[in-house]
Amino acid sequence: MLWHVQSLYTHCSRHSCRAFCSAPETQTGNVLWQGIYDKRQRTEVEMAKRDQELKQLQGWRSTVQSLLERFQELTSASAAVTAAAAEAGAATPGQ
């Protein structure tokens, strides 16, 4: 395909008509170039969407990690309070 497109460009440049040549080969080449350009545009849009999704997911991940750390701190503190209360309760009846 690259040879075909290259030969079309050579044909067009020989006639100094570039993209406006009416030769059938050149019209086919223009269609091919337009298809490539359209696909590139679609790909760039998809990449931008994926980039936005990635940023959103990273934000959510950060939030979840923060919540998890806070939960672990609270459960550790709760366990420490429970252990201290158990020690105080065990020491009081023995006096």
PDB file of N, CA and C in Angstrom:
ATOM      1  N   MET A   1       0.824  -1.189   0.000  1.00  0.00           N
ATOM      2  CA  MET A   1       0.000   0.000   0.000  1.00  0.00           C
ATOM      3  C   MET A   1       0.870   1.256   0.000  1.00  0.00           C
ATOM      4  N   LEU A   2       1.974   1.234   0.741  1.00  0.00           N
ATOM      5  CA  LEU A   2       2.840   2.395   0.781  1.00  0.00           C
ATOM      6  C   LEU A   2       3.373   2.715  -0.606  1.00  0.00           C
ATOM      7  N   TRP A   3       3.754   1.686  -1.367  1.00  0.00           N
ATOM      8  CA  TRP A   3       4.235   1.924  -2.712  1.00  0.00           C
ATOM      9  C   TRP A   3       3.141   2.576  -3.536  1.00  0.00           C
ATOM     10  N   HIS A   4       1.898   2.113  -3.387  1.00  0.00           N
ATOM     11  CA  HIS A   4       0.777   2.648  -4.152  1.00  0.00           C
ATOM     12  C   HIS A   4       0.570   4.128  -3.827  1.00  0.00           C
ATOM     13  N   VAL A   5       0.583   4.459  -2.556  1.00  0.00           N
ATOM     14  CA  VAL A   5       0.400   5.852  -2.162  1.00  0.00           C
ATOM     15  C   VAL A   5       1.571   6.683  -2.635  1.00  0.00           C
ATOM     16  N   GLN A   6       2.784   6.166  -2.512  1.00  0.00           N
ATOM     17  CA  GLN A   6       3.957   6.899  -2.963  1.00  0.00           C
ATOM     18  C   GLN A   6       3.896   7.135  -4.467  1.00  0.00           C
ATOM     19  N   SER A   7       3.471   6.134  -5.228  1.00  0.00           N
ATOM     20  CA  SER A   7       3.393   6.309  -6.673  1.00  0.00           C
ATOM     21  C   SER A   7       2.328   7.340  -7.033  1.00  0.00           C
ATOM     22  N   LEU A   8       1.264   7.427  -6.252  1.00  0.00           N
ATOM     23  CA  LEU A   8       0.235   8.435  -6.518  1.00  0.00           C
ATOM     24  C   LEU A   8       0.779   9.823  -6.262  1.00  0.00           C
ATOM     25  N   TYR A   9       1.554   9.965  -5.200  1.00  0.00           N
ATOM     26  CA  TYR A   9       2.143  11.266  -4.912  1.00  0.00           C
ATOM     27  C   TYR A   9       3.096  11.664  -6.029  1.00  0.00           C
ATOM     28  N   THR A  10       3.881  10.715  -6.497  1.00  0.00           N
ATOM     29  CA  THR A  10       4.807  10.999  -7.597  1.00  0.00           C
ATOM     30  C   THR A  10       4.031  11.406  -8.833  1.00  0.00           C
ATOM     31  N   HIS A  11       2.942  10.688  -9.139  1.00  0.00           N
ATOM     32  CA  HIS A  11       2.114  11.027 -10.292  1.00  0.00           C
ATOM     33  C   HIS A  11       1.606  12.456 -10.156  1.00  0.00           C
ATOM     34  N   CYS A  12       1.094  12.789  -8.996  1.00  0.00           N
ATOM     35  CA  CYS A  12       0.512  14.098  -8.770  1.00  0.00           C
ATOM     36  C   CYS A  12       1.574  15.186  -8.854  1.00  0.00           C
ATOM     37  N   SER A  13       2.739  14.937  -8.296  1.00  0.00           N
ATOM     38  CA  SER A  13       3.766  15.968  -8.305  1.00  0.00           C
ATOM     39  C   SER A  13       4.317  16.188  -9.717  1.00  0.00           C
ATOM     40  N   ARG A  14       4.227  15.165 -10.540  1.00  0.00           N
ATOM     41  CA  ARG A  14       4.655  15.338 -11.930  1.00  0.00           C
ATOM     42  C   ARG A  14       3.760  16.321 -12.668  1.00  0.00           C
ATOM     43  N   HIS A  15       2.486  16.291 -12.344  1.00  0.00           N
ATOM     44  CA  HIS A  15       1.536  17.168 -13.038  1.00  0.00           C
ATOM     45  C   HIS A  15       1.328  18.476 -12.304  1.00  0.00           C
ATOM     46  N   SER A  16       2.021  18.667 -11.205  1.00  0.00           N
ATOM     47  CA  SER A  16       1.919  19.878 -10.388  1.00  0.00           C
ATOM     48  C   SER A  16       0.485  20.155  -9.939  1.00  0.00           C
ATOM     49  N   CYS A  17      -0.273  19.115  -9.748  1.00  0.00           N
ATOM     50  CA  CYS A  17      -1.667  19.315  -9.352  1.00  0.00           C
ATOM     51  C   CYS A  17      -1.906  18.920  -7.915  1.00  0.00           C
ATOM     52  N   ARG A  18      -0.965  18.249  -7.293  1.00  0.00           N
ATOM     53  CA  ARG A  18      -1.055  17.816  -5.907  1.00  0.00           C
ATOM     54  C   ARG A  18      -2.391  17.140  -5.610  1.00  0.00           C
ATOM     55  N   ALA A  19      -3.135  17.605  -4.653  1.00  0.00           N
ATOM     56  CA  ALA A  19      -4.337  16.906  -4.200  1.00  0.00           C
ATOM     57  C   ALA A  19      -5.535  17.106  -5.114  1.00  0.00           C
ATOM     58  N   PHE A  20      -5.449  17.988  -6.082  1.00  0.00           N
ATOM     59  CA  PHE A  20      -6.611  18.295  -6.916  1.00  0.00           C
ATOM     60  C   PHE A  20      -6.560  17.638  -8.287  1.00  0.00           C
ATOM     61  N   CYS A  21      -5.710  16.661  -8.442  1.00  0.00           N
ATOM     62  CA  CYS A  21      -5.595  15.966  -9.719  1.00  0.00           C
ATOM     63  C   CYS A  21      -6.853  15.139  -9.960  1.00  0.00           C
ATOM     64  N   SER A  22      -7.295  15.090 -11.202  1.00  0.00           N
ATOM     65  CA  SER A  22      -8.503  14.333 -11.525  1.00  0.00           C
ATOM     66  C   SER A  22      -8.181  12.906 -11.959  1.00  0.00           C
ATOM     67  N   ALA A  23      -6.907  12.554 -11.953  1.00  0.00           N
ATOM     68  CA  ALA A  23      -6.548  11.195 -12.342  1.00  0.00           C
ATOM     69  C   ALA A  23      -7.160  10.212 -11.347  1.00  0.00           C
ATOM     70  N   PRO A  24      -7.715   9.089 -11.814  1.00  0.00           N
ATOM     71  CA  PRO A  24      -8.356   8.135 -10.908  1.00  0.00           C
ATOM     72  C   PRO A  24      -7.416   7.623  -9.819  1.00  0.00           C
ATOM     73  N   GLU A  25      -6.139   7.428 -10.184  1.00  0.00           N
ATOM     74  CA  GLU A  25      -5.193   6.951  -9.183  1.00  0.00           C
ATOM     75  C   GLU A  25      -5.046   7.962  -8.051  1.00  0.00           C
ATOM     76  N   THR A  26      -5.030   9.228  -8.408  1.00  0.00           N
ATOM     77  CA  THR A  26      -4.867  10.278  -7.415  1.00  0.00           C
ATOM     78  C   THR A  26      -6.111  10.385  -6.544  1.00  0.00           C
ATOM     79  N   GLN A  27      -7.277  10.243  -7.133  1.00  0.00           N
ATOM     80  CA  GLN A  27      -8.514  10.282  -6.353  1.00  0.00           C
ATOM     81  C   GLN A  27      -8.529   9.141  -5.342  1.00  0.00           C
ATOM     82  N   THR A  28      -8.070   7.960  -5.772  1.00  0.00           N
ATOM     83  CA  THR A  28      -7.986   6.824  -4.858  1.00  0.00           C
ATOM     84  C   THR A  28      -7.009   7.140  -3.740  1.00  0.00           C
ATOM     85  N   GLY A  29      -5.910   7.766  -4.079  1.00  0.00           N
ATOM     86  CA  GLY A  29      -4.926   8.157  -3.081  1.00  0.00           C
ATOM     87  C   GLY A  29      -5.499   9.149  -2.082  1.00  0.00           C
ATOM     88  N   ASN A  30      -6.292  10.092  -2.600  1.00  0.00           N
ATOM     89  CA  ASN A  30      -6.912  11.071  -1.707  1.00  0.00           C
ATOM     90  C   ASN A  30      -7.866  10.387  -0.734  1.00  0.00           C
ATOM     91  N   VAL A  31      -8.600   9.405  -1.216  1.00  0.00           N
ATOM     92  CA  VAL A  31      -9.516   8.657  -0.364  1.00  0.00           C
ATOM     93  C   VAL A  31      -8.719   7.906   0.705  1.00  0.00           C
ATOM     94  N   LEU A  32      -7.599   7.310   0.284  1.00  0.00           N
ATOM     95  CA  LEU A  32      -6.754   6.598   1.247  1.00  0.00           C
ATOM     96  C   LEU A  32      -6.214   7.547   2.317  1.00  0.00           C
ATOM     97  N   TRP A  33      -5.720   8.704   1.890  1.00  0.00           N
ATOM     98  CA  TRP A  33      -5.198   9.677   2.844  1.00  0.00           C
ATOM     99  C   TRP A  33      -6.300  10.165   3.779  1.00  0.00           C
ATOM    100  N   GLN A  34      -7.499  10.388   3.231  1.00  0.00           N
ATOM    101  CA  GLN A  34      -8.614  10.835   4.062  1.00  0.00           C
ATOM    102  C   GLN A  34      -8.975   9.763   5.099  1.00  0.00           C
ATOM    103  N   GLY A  35      -8.949   8.509   4.669  1.00  0.00           N
ATOM    104  CA  GLY A  35      -9.223   7.409   5.595  1.00  0.00           C
ATOM    105  C   GLY A  35      -8.200   7.348   6.712  1.00  0.00           C
ATOM    106  N   ILE A  36      -6.940   7.525   6.357  1.00  0.00           N
ATOM    107  CA  ILE A  36      -5.876   7.519   7.353  1.00  0.00           C
ATOM    108  C   ILE A  36      -6.056   8.687   8.313  1.00  0.00           C
ATOM    109  N   TYR A  37      -6.362   9.854   7.774  1.00  0.00           N
ATOM    110  CA  TYR A  37      -6.561  11.039   8.609  1.00  0.00           C
ATOM    111  C   TYR A  37      -7.754  10.847   9.550  1.00  0.00           C
ATOM    112  N   ASP A  38      -8.851  10.322   9.018  1.00  0.00           N
ATOM    113  CA  ASP A  38     -10.040  10.086   9.852  1.00  0.00           C
ATOM    114  C   ASP A  38      -9.747   9.097  10.974  1.00  0.00           C
ATOM    115  N   LYS A  39      -9.026   8.045  10.639  1.00  0.00           N
ATOM    116  CA  LYS A  39      -8.684   7.054  11.668  1.00  0.00           C
ATOM    117  C   LYS A  39      -7.798   7.683  12.738  1.00  0.00           C
ATOM    118  N   ARG A  40      -6.878   8.517  12.318  1.00  0.00           N
ATOM    119  CA  ARG A  40      -6.010   9.205  13.286  1.00  0.00           C
ATOM    120  C   ARG A  40      -6.847  10.095  14.206  1.00  0.00           C
ATOM    121  N   GLN A  41      -7.797  10.823  13.638  1.00  0.00           N
ATOM    122  CA  GLN A  41      -8.662  11.689  14.438  1.00  0.00           C
ATOM    123  C   GLN A  41      -9.456  10.865  15.455  1.00  0.00           C
ATOM    124  N   ARG A  42     -10.041   9.761  15.008  1.00  0.00           N
ATOM    125  CA  ARG A  42     -10.817   8.900  15.908  1.00  0.00           C
ATOM    126  C   ARG A  42      -9.926   8.354  17.022  1.00  0.00           C
ATOM    127  N   THR A  43      -8.718   7.960  16.659  1.00  0.00           N
ATOM    128  CA  THR A  43      -7.781   7.415  17.637  1.00  0.00           C
ATOM    129  C   THR A  43      -7.406   8.469  18.670  1.00  0.00           C
ATOM    130  N   GLU A  44      -7.180   9.697  18.225  1.00  0.00           N
ATOM    131  CA  GLU A  44      -6.834  10.766  19.159  1.00  0.00           C
ATOM    132  C   GLU A  44      -7.987  11.055  20.115  1.00  0.00           C
ATOM    133  N   VAL A  45      -9.212  11.023  19.616  1.00  0.00           N
ATOM    134  CA  VAL A  45     -10.379  11.235  20.475  1.00  0.00           C
ATOM    135  C   VAL A  45     -10.481  10.109  21.496  1.00  0.00           C
ATOM    136  N   GLU A  46     -10.301   8.873  21.044  1.00  0.00           N
ATOM    137  CA  GLU A  46     -10.350   7.727  21.961  1.00  0.00           C
ATOM    138  C   GLU A  46      -9.247   7.820  23.021  1.00  0.00           C
ATOM    139  N   MET A  47      -8.061   8.254  22.622  1.00  0.00           N
ATOM    140  CA  MET A  47      -6.961   8.394  23.570  1.00  0.00           C
ATOM    141  C   MET A  47      -7.284   9.461  24.616  1.00  0.00           C
ATOM    142  N   ALA A  48      -7.893  10.549  24.193  1.00  0.00           N
ATOM    143  CA  ALA A  48      -8.271  11.602  25.136  1.00  0.00           C
ATOM    144  C   ALA A  48      -9.319  11.089  26.121  1.00  0.00           C
ATOM    145  N   LYS A  49     -10.285  10.310  25.620  1.00  0.00           N
ATOM    146  CA  LYS A  49     -11.294   9.728  26.508  1.00  0.00           C
ATOM    147  C   LYS A  49     -10.649   8.796  27.523  1.00  0.00           C
ATOM    148  N   ARG A  50      -9.750   7.955  27.058  1.00  0.00           N
ATOM    149  CA  ARG A  50      -9.072   7.017  27.947  1.00  0.00           C
ATOM    150  C   ARG A  50      -8.223   7.762  28.975  1.00  0.00           C
ATOM    151  N   ASP A  51      -7.597   8.851  28.554  1.00  0.00           N
ATOM    152  CA  ASP A  51      -6.788   9.646  29.462  1.00  0.00           C
ATOM    153  C   ASP A  51      -7.661  10.226  30.576  1.00  0.00           C
ATOM    154  N   GLN A  52      -8.843  10.734  30.216  1.00  0.00           N
ATOM    155  CA  GLN A  52      -9.776  11.262  31.216  1.00  0.00           C
ATOM    156  C   GLN A  52     -10.233  10.155  32.163  1.00  0.00           C
ATOM    157  N   GLU A  53     -10.553   8.990  31.614  1.00  0.00           N
ATOM    158  CA  GLU A  53     -10.971   7.862  32.442  1.00  0.00           C
ATOM    159  C   GLU A  53      -9.861   7.463  33.408  1.00  0.00           C
ATOM    160  N   LEU A  54      -8.639   7.441  32.915  1.00  0.00           N
ATOM    161  CA  LEU A  54      -7.496   7.078  33.748  1.00  0.00           C
ATOM    162  C   LEU A  54      -7.325   8.062  34.899  1.00  0.00           C
ATOM    163  N   LYS A  55      -7.436   9.351  34.604  1.00  0.00           N
ATOM    164  CA  LYS A  55      -7.311  10.363  35.653  1.00  0.00           C
ATOM    165  C   LYS A  55      -8.418  10.204  36.695  1.00  0.00           C
ATOM    166  N   GLN A  56      -9.625   9.924  36.237  1.00  0.00           N
ATOM    167  CA  GLN A  56     -10.734   9.737  37.165  1.00  0.00           C
ATOM    168  C   GLN A  56     -10.505   8.510  38.048  1.00  0.00           C
ATOM    169  N   LEU A  57     -10.067   7.420  37.443  1.00  0.00           N
ATOM    170  CA  LEU A  57      -9.798   6.209  38.212  1.00  0.00           C
ATOM    171  C   LEU A  57      -8.666   6.415  39.213  1.00  0.00           C
ATOM    172  N   GLN A  58      -7.658   7.159  38.829  1.00  0.00           N
ATOM    173  CA  GLN A  58      -6.561   7.434  39.759  1.00  0.00           C
ATOM    174  C   GLN A  58      -7.049   8.274  40.939  1.00  0.00           C
ATOM    175  N   GLY A  59      -7.953   9.200  40.670  1.00  0.00           N
ATOM    176  CA  GLY A  59      -8.536   9.990  41.746  1.00  0.00           C
ATOM    177  C   GLY A  59      -9.341   9.120  42.697  1.00  0.00           C
ATOM    178  N   TRP A  60     -10.133   8.227  42.134  1.00  0.00           N
ATOM    179  CA  TRP A  60     -10.920   7.303  42.961  1.00  0.00           C
ATOM    180  C   TRP A  60     -10.007   6.401  43.790  1.00  0.00           C
ATOM    181  N   ARG A  61      -8.941   5.925  43.164  1.00  0.00           N
ATOM    182  CA  ARG A  61      -7.994   5.061  43.867  1.00  0.00           C
ATOM    183  C   ARG A  61      -7.387   5.790  45.065  1.00  0.00           C
ATOM    184  N   SER A  62      -7.010   7.032  44.850  1.00  0.00           N
ATOM    185  CA  SER A  62      -6.444   7.833  45.933  1.00  0.00           C
ATOM    186  C   SER A  62      -7.454   7.994  47.069  1.00  0.00           C
ATOM    187  N   THR A  63      -8.704   8.233  46.721  1.00  0.00           N
ATOM    188  CA  THR A  63      -9.749   8.380  47.734  1.00  0.00           C
ATOM    189  C   THR A  63      -9.942   7.089  48.513  1.00  0.00           C
ATOM    190  N   VAL A  64      -9.980   5.974  47.818  1.00  0.00           N
ATOM    191  CA  VAL A  64     -10.165   4.678  48.477  1.00  0.00           C
ATOM    192  C   VAL A  64      -8.979   4.367  49.384  1.00  0.00           C
ATOM    193  N   GLN A  65      -7.778   4.646  48.918  1.00  0.00           N
ATOM    194  CA  GLN A  65      -6.595   4.408  49.751  1.00  0.00           C
ATOM    195  C   GLN A  65      -6.629   5.270  51.009  1.00  0.00           C
ATOM    196  N   SER A  66      -7.053   6.514  50.862  1.00  0.00           N
ATOM    197  CA  SER A  66      -7.155   7.404  52.011  1.00  0.00           C
ATOM    198  C   SER A  66      -8.194   6.885  53.006  1.00  0.00           C
ATOM    199  N   LEU A  67      -9.337   6.449  52.500  1.00  0.00           N
ATOM    200  CA  LEU A  67     -10.374   5.894  53.374  1.00  0.00           C
ATOM    201  C   LEU A  67      -9.891   4.622  54.076  1.00  0.00           C
ATOM    202  N   LEU A  68      -9.176   3.783  53.356  1.00  0.00           N
ATOM    203  CA  LEU A  68      -8.657   2.546  53.928  1.00  0.00           C
ATOM    204  C   LEU A  68      -7.657   2.838  55.046  1.00  0.00           C
ATOM    205  N   GLU A  69      -6.772   3.796  54.819  1.00  0.00           N
ATOM    206  CA  GLU A  69      -5.802   4.166  55.850  1.00  0.00           C
ATOM    207  C   GLU A  69      -6.518   4.697  57.093  1.00  0.00           C
ATOM    208  N   ARG A  70      -7.518   5.528  56.886  1.00  0.00           N
ATOM    209  CA  ARG A  70      -8.280   6.077  58.013  1.00  0.00           C
ATOM    210  C   ARG A  70      -9.010   4.963  58.766  1.00  0.00           C
ATOM    211  N   PHE A  71      -9.589   4.027  58.025  1.00  0.00           N
ATOM    212  CA  PHE A  71     -10.283   2.891  58.643  1.00  0.00           C
ATOM    213  C   PHE A  71      -9.313   2.060  59.482  1.00  0.00           C
ATOM    214  N   GLN A  72      -8.124   1.804  58.949  1.00  0.00           N
ATOM    215  CA  GLN A  72      -7.120   1.035  59.687  1.00  0.00           C
ATOM    216  C   GLN A  72      -6.682   1.766  60.951  1.00  0.00           C
ATOM    217  N   GLU A  73      -6.531   3.090  60.864  1.00  0.00           N
ATOM    218  CA  GLU A  73      -6.177   3.867  62.052  1.00  0.00           C
ATOM    219  C   GLU A  73      -7.274   3.752  63.112  1.00  0.00           C
ATOM    220  N   LEU A  74      -8.520   3.861  62.692  1.00  0.00           N
ATOM    221  CA  LEU A  74      -9.637   3.779  63.638  1.00  0.00           C
ATOM    222  C   LEU A  74      -9.757   2.392  64.265  1.00  0.00           C
ATOM    223  N   THR A  75      -9.582   1.345  63.466  1.00  0.00           N
ATOM    224  CA  THR A  75      -9.671  -0.006  64.015  1.00  0.00           C
ATOM    225  C   THR A  75      -8.518  -0.274  64.968  1.00  0.00           C
ATOM    226  N   SER A  76      -7.337   0.244  64.668  1.00  0.00           N
ATOM    227  CA  SER A  76      -6.191   0.091  65.580  1.00  0.00           C
ATOM    228  C   SER A  76      -6.454   0.823  66.889  1.00  0.00           C
ATOM    229  N   ALA A  77      -6.980   2.037  66.777  1.00  0.00           N
ATOM    230  CA  ALA A  77      -7.281   2.810  67.983  1.00  0.00           C
ATOM    231  C   ALA A  77      -8.377   2.125  68.792  1.00  0.00           C
ATOM    232  N   SER A  78      -9.376   1.588  68.111  1.00  0.00           N
ATOM    233  CA  SER A  78     -10.466   0.891  68.790  1.00  0.00           C
ATOM    234  C   SER A  78      -9.941  -0.358  69.501  1.00  0.00           C
ATOM    235  N   ALA A  79      -9.049  -1.085  68.856  1.00  0.00           N
ATOM    236  CA  ALA A  79      -8.470  -2.291  69.467  1.00  0.00           C
ATOM    237  C   ALA A  79      -7.638  -1.923  70.688  1.00  0.00           C
ATOM    238  N   ALA A  80      -6.927  -0.810  70.608  1.00  0.00           N
ATOM    239  CA  ALA A  80      -6.112  -0.367  71.739  1.00  0.00           C
ATOM    240  C   ALA A  80      -7.002   0.026  72.913  1.00  0.00           C
ATOM    241  N   VAL A  81      -8.095   0.716  72.650  1.00  0.00           N
ATOM    242  CA  VAL A  81      -9.029   1.114  73.704  1.00  0.00           C
ATOM    243  C   VAL A  81      -9.669  -0.120  74.329  1.00  0.00           C
ATOM    244  N   THR A  82     -10.055  -1.079  73.506  1.00  0.00           N
ATOM    245  CA  THR A  82     -10.657  -2.313  74.002  1.00  0.00           C
ATOM    246  C   THR A  82      -9.672  -3.088  74.873  1.00  0.00           C
ATOM    247  N   ALA A  83      -8.436  -3.154  74.442  1.00  0.00           N
ATOM    248  CA  ALA A  83      -7.411  -3.864  75.218  1.00  0.00           C
ATOM    249  C   ALA A  83      -7.154  -3.157  76.545  1.00  0.00           C
ATOM    250  N   ALA A  84      -7.112  -1.824  76.523  1.00  0.00           N
ATOM    251  CA  ALA A  84      -6.890  -1.064  77.757  1.00  0.00           C
ATOM    252  C   ALA A  84      -8.071  -1.247  78.712  1.00  0.00           C
ATOM    253  N   ALA A  85      -9.268  -1.267  78.189  1.00  0.00           N
ATOM    254  CA  ALA A  85     -10.461  -1.467  79.035  1.00  0.00           C
ATOM    255  C   ALA A  85     -10.465  -2.868  79.623  1.00  0.00           C
ATOM    256  N   ALA A  86     -10.038  -3.841  78.859  1.00  0.00           N
ATOM    257  CA  ALA A  86      -9.985  -5.222  79.351  1.00  0.00           C
ATOM    258  C   ALA A  86      -8.949  -5.336  80.466  1.00  0.00           C
ATOM    259  N   GLU A  87      -7.812  -4.684  80.313  1.00  0.00           N
ATOM    260  CA  GLU A  87      -6.779  -4.704  81.356  1.00  0.00           C
ATOM    261  C   GLU A  87      -7.278  -4.010  82.616  1.00  0.00           C
ATOM    262  N   ALA A  88      -7.954  -2.890  82.454  1.00  0.00           N
ATOM    263  CA  ALA A  88      -8.463  -2.152  83.609  1.00  0.00           C
ATOM    264  C   ALA A  88      -9.560  -2.975  84.309  1.00  0.00           C
ATOM    265  N   GLY A  89     -10.399  -3.648  83.558  1.00  0.00           N
ATOM    266  CA  GLY A  89     -11.441  -4.478  84.124  1.00  0.00           C
ATOM    267  C   GLY A  89     -10.886  -5.692  84.830  1.00  0.00           C
ATOM    268  N   ALA A  90      -9.817  -6.249  84.306  1.00  0.00           N
ATOM    269  CA  ALA A  90      -9.205  -7.428  84.906  1.00  0.00           C
ATOM    270  C   ALA A  90      -8.457  -7.055  86.178  1.00  0.00           C
ATOM    271  N   ALA A  91      -7.900  -5.856  86.239  1.00  0.00           N
ATOM    272  CA  ALA A  91      -7.144  -5.426  87.416  1.00  0.00           C
ATOM    273  C   ALA A  91      -8.062  -5.012  88.556  1.00  0.00           C
ATOM    274  N   THR A  92      -9.222  -4.480  88.276  1.00  0.00           N
ATOM    275  CA  THR A  92     -10.135  -3.976  89.312  1.00  0.00           C
ATOM    276  C   THR A  92     -10.721  -5.077  90.187  1.00  0.00           C
ATOM    277  N   PRO A  93     -11.254  -6.188  89.704  1.00  0.00           N
ATOM    278  CA  PRO A  93     -11.840  -7.186  90.592  1.00  0.00           C
ATOM    279  C   PRO A  93     -10.813  -7.893  91.472  1.00  0.00           C
ATOM    280  N   GLY A  94      -9.591  -7.929  91.090  1.00  0.00           N
ATOM    281  CA  GLY A  94      -8.582  -8.627  91.862  1.00  0.00           C
ATOM    282  C   GLY A  94      -8.099  -7.846  93.070  1.00  0.00           C
ATOM    283  N   GLN A  95      -8.472  -6.633  93.301  1.00  0.00           N
ATOM    284  CA  GLN A  95      -7.963  -5.829  94.401  1.00  0.00           C
ATOM    285  C   GLN A  95      -8.621  -6.177  95.644  1.00  0.00           C
TER     286      GLN A  95
END
